[in-house]
Structures are given as structure tokens and as C-alpha cells.
C-alpha atoms as a PDB file:
ATOM      1  CA  UNK A   1     -21.292   5.348  -0.438  1.00  0.00           C
ATOM      2  CA  UNK A   2     -18.358   3.048   0.487  1.00  0.00           C
ATOM      3  CA  UNK A   3     -15.387   4.378   1.617  1.00  0.00           C
ATOM      4  CA  UNK A   4     -11.764   3.861   0.452  1.00  0.00           C
ATOM      5  CA  UNK A   5      -8.109   3.436   1.370  1.00  0.00           C
ATOM      6  CA  UNK A   6      -4.933   5.020  -0.402  1.00  0.00           C
ATOM      7  CA  UNK A   7      -1.937   3.069   0.115  1.00  0.00           C
ATOM      8  CA  UNK A   8       1.961   2.621  -0.640  1.00  0.00           C
ATOM      9  CA  UNK A   9       3.869  -0.685  -0.662  1.00  0.00           C
ATOM     10  CA  UNK A  10       7.454  -1.251  -1.059  1.00  0.00           C
ATOM     11  CA  UNK A  11       9.858  -4.240  -1.170  1.00  0.00           C
ATOM     12  CA  UNK A  12      12.117  -5.136   1.584  1.00  0.00           C
ATOM     13  CA  UNK A  13      14.984  -2.865   0.351  1.00  0.00           C
ATOM     14  CA  UNK A  14      12.419   0.224  -0.061  1.00  0.00           C
ATOM     15  CA  UNK A  15      13.495   0.838  -3.571  1.00  0.00           C
ATOM     16  CA  UNK A  16      10.357   0.305  -5.598  1.00  0.00           C
ATOM     17  CA  UNK A  17       7.222   1.835  -4.394  1.00  0.00           C
ATOM     18  CA  UNK A  18       3.536   0.943  -5.531  1.00  0.00           C
ATOM     19  CA  UNK A  19       0.405   3.045  -4.740  1.00  0.00           C
ATOM     20  CA  UNK A  20      -2.748   1.232  -4.616  1.00  0.00           C
ATOM     21  CA  UNK A  21      -6.614   2.053  -3.783  1.00  0.00           C
ATOM     22  CA  UNK A  22      -9.112  -0.338  -2.250  1.00  0.00           C
ATOM     23  CA  UNK A  23     -12.539  -0.281  -0.185  1.00  0.00           C
ATOM     24  CA  UNK A  24     -11.052  -3.181   1.976  1.00  0.00           C
ATOM     25  CA  UNK A  25      -7.451  -2.422   2.960  1.00  0.00           C
ATOM     26  CA  UNK A  26      -6.522  -5.681   5.315  1.00  0.00           C
ATOM     27  CA  UNK A  27      -7.964  -7.926   2.606  1.00  0.00           C
ATOM     28  CA  UNK A  28      -5.992  -6.242  -0.146  1.00  0.00           C
ATOM     29  CA  UNK A  29      -2.727  -6.065   1.851  1.00  0.00           C
ATOM     30  CA  UNK A  30      -2.900  -9.971   2.500  1.00  0.00           C
ATOM     31  CA  UNK A  31      -3.638 -10.457  -1.122  1.00  0.00           C
ATOM     32  CA  UNK A  32      -0.225  -8.637  -2.053  1.00  0.00           C
ATOM     33  CA  UNK A  33       1.679 -10.161   0.751  1.00  0.00           C
ATOM     34  CA  UNK A  34       0.646 -13.750  -0.584  1.00  0.00           C
ATOM     35  CA  UNK A  35       1.186 -13.147  -4.312  1.00  0.00           C
ATOM     36  CA  UNK A  36      -2.524 -13.724  -5.379  1.00  0.00           C
ATOM     37  CA  UNK A  37      -2.210 -12.105  -8.386  1.00  0.00           C
ATOM     38  CA  UNK A  38       0.983 -13.749 -10.262  1.00  0.00           C
ATOM     39  CA  UNK A  39       2.712 -11.208 -12.493  1.00  0.00           C
ATOM     40  CA  UNK A  40       1.176  -8.196 -11.121  1.00  0.00           C
ATOM     41  CA  UNK A  41       3.438  -5.251 -10.412  1.00  0.00           C
ATOM     42  CA  UNK A  42       3.843  -5.863  -6.647  1.00  0.00           C
ATOM     43  CA  UNK A  43       4.421  -9.594  -7.349  1.00  0.00           C
ATOM     44  CA  UNK A  44       7.099  -8.920  -9.640  1.00  0.00           C
ATOM     45  CA  UNK A  45       8.978  -6.343  -7.328  1.00  0.00           C
ATOM     46  CA  UNK A  46       8.142  -8.052  -4.429  1.00  0.00           C
ATOM     47  CA  UNK A  47       6.174  -5.185  -2.570  1.00  0.00           C
ATOM     48  CA  UNK A  48       4.852  -6.598   0.453  1.00  0.00           C
ATOM     49  CA  UNK A  49       5.640  -3.953   2.721  1.00  0.00           C
ATOM     50  CA  UNK A  50       2.717  -1.529   3.686  1.00  0.00           C
ATOM     51  CA  UNK A  51       4.413   1.689   4.431  1.00  0.00           C
ATOM     52  CA  UNK A  52       1.740   4.391   4.054  1.00  0.00           C
ATOM     53  CA  UNK A  53      -2.185   4.296   4.105  1.00  0.00           C
ATOM     54  CA  UNK A  54      -5.139   6.795   4.600  1.00  0.00           C
ATOM     55  CA  UNK A  55      -8.572   6.598   4.772  1.00  0.00           C
ATOM     56  CA  UNK A  56     -11.168   8.549   2.232  1.00  0.00           C
ATOM     57  CA  UNK A  57     -14.686   9.246   2.881  1.00  0.00           C
ATOM     58  CA  UNK A  58     -15.862   7.787  -0.317  1.00  0.00           C
ATOM     59  CA  UNK A  59     -14.167   5.465  -2.828  1.00  0.00           C
ATOM     60  CA  UNK A  60     -14.330   8.307  -5.332  1.00  0.00           C
ATOM     61  CA  UNK A  61     -12.182  10.560  -3.238  1.00  0.00           C
ATOM     62  CA  UNK A  62      -9.686   7.668  -2.489  1.00  0.00           C
ATOM     63  CA  UNK A  63      -9.294   6.820  -6.393  1.00  0.00           C
ATOM     64  CA  UNK A  64      -8.823  10.817  -6.859  1.00  0.00           C
ATOM     65  CA  UNK A  65      -6.261  10.710  -4.311  1.00  0.00           C
ATOM     66  CA  UNK A  66      -4.352   7.593  -5.746  1.00  0.00           C
ATOM     67  CA  UNK A  67      -4.318   9.355  -9.319  1.00  0.00           C
ATOM     68  CA  UNK A  68      -2.782  12.175  -8.035  1.00  0.00           C
ATOM     69  CA  UNK A  69       0.061  10.324  -5.577  1.00  0.00           C
ATOM     70  CA  UNK A  70       0.959   8.126  -8.710  1.00  0.00           C
ATOM     71  CA  UNK A  71       1.812  11.220 -10.863  1.00  0.00           C
ATOM     72  CA  UNK A  72       4.137  12.692  -7.673  1.00  0.00           C
ATOM     73  CA  UNK A  73       7.908  12.662  -7.828  1.00  0.00           C
ATOM     74  CA  UNK A  74       9.374   9.970  -5.895  1.00  0.00           C
ATOM     75  CA  UNK A  75      10.565  12.449  -3.399  1.00  0.00           C
ATOM     76  CA  UNK A  76       7.193  13.619  -2.393  1.00  0.00           C
ATOM     77  CA  UNK A  77       5.826  10.047  -1.936  1.00  0.00           C
ATOM     78  CA  UNK A  78       8.874   9.605   0.350  1.00  0.00           C
ATOM     79  CA  UNK A  79       7.998  12.899   2.152  1.00  0.00           C
ATOM     80  CA  UNK A  80       4.470  11.520   2.781  1.00  0.00           C
ATOM     81  CA  UNK A  81       5.558   8.230   4.127  1.00  0.00           C
ATOM     82  CA  UNK A  82       8.036   9.727   6.159  1.00  0.00           C
ATOM     83  CA  UNK A  83       5.850  12.081   7.860  1.00  0.00           C
ATOM     84  CA  UNK A  84       3.931   9.315   9.502  1.00  0.00           C
ATOM     85  CA  UNK A  85       6.341   6.418   9.241  1.00  0.00           C
ATOM     86  CA  UNK A  86      10.010   7.789   9.321  1.00  0.00           C
ATOM     87  CA  UNK A  87      11.403   4.298   9.592  1.00  0.00           C
ATOM     88  CA  UNK A  88       9.664   2.891   7.043  1.00  0.00           C
ATOM     89  CA  UNK A  89       8.519  -0.156   9.174  1.00  0.00           C
ATOM     90  CA  UNK A  90       5.755  -2.588   7.728  1.00  0.00           C
ATOM     91  CA  UNK A  91       2.685  -1.012   9.159  1.00  0.00           C
ATOM     92  CA  UNK A  92       0.462  -4.073   8.879  1.00  0.00           C
ATOM     93  CA  UNK A  93       3.015  -6.037  10.993  1.00  0.00           C
ATOM     94  CA  UNK A  94       0.833  -7.778  13.473  1.00  0.00           C
ATOM     95  CA  UNK A  95      -2.465  -7.587  11.116  1.00  0.00           C
ATOM     96  CA  UNK A  96      -2.217 -11.308  10.035  1.00  0.00           C
ATOM     97  CA  UNK A  97      -0.859 -14.699  11.615  1.00  0.00           C
ATOM     98  CA  UNK A  98       1.226 -17.207   9.857  1.00  0.00           C
ATOM     99  CA  UNK A  99      -1.912 -19.466   8.605  1.00  0.00           C
ATOM    100  CA  UNK A 100      -3.212 -16.223   7.116  1.00  0.00           C
ATOM    101  CA  UNK A 101       0.208 -15.815   4.925  1.00  0.00           C
ATOM    102  CA  UNK A 102       0.282 -19.302   3.796  1.00  0.00           C
END
């Protein structure tokens, strides 16, 4: 079985959170940053900053965790982020070069 990733994106002011799941993290984050899906939640709210991610053994486990996190209160999501990323830095910085983001 294919593994999976659960991740949280936010906007530049850290006011909006998006929880997602994917089997190809780097590819999916690049899609968010490039606005590949016009009108999507991350495109509308400019959630282009990756602030948390975690890998799971199977995509089924990842989907289950994504669904749990989506039902959490915002404070719990913030606590999850701050455990590993207290400065809310973009964890994908350095993953792509300028040509990737065109």
C-alpha cells in the first residue's frame, strides 16, 4: 500500500488553516503554491505556506487522521503546529526553485 501525508497550510498572516492529505507531498504543496486549482479553498484564501506535515504508513491512515484533525478546534491545530514549528515558518522553503513556482 502507498503511504500518505497529512499537512496544514496557512496564509501569510496565519489567519486561515487548511488541512489536507496526499500521497505525494512535494507535488501537492507545489500545486497549492502555484494555484493550480482556481477557486479552491487554498487558492481563495491564499494558503501557500506549509506549517505542519506528518507521514503515515498508508494513505488510509493518513485520510483517517486528516478527517480527525479537520474536526479539531483551531486551538488544538495551533498546538499541533507549534510543537514542531513554533515560529510558523514555511516548511517547504527551499523545496522548489523559482522556475518551479512560475
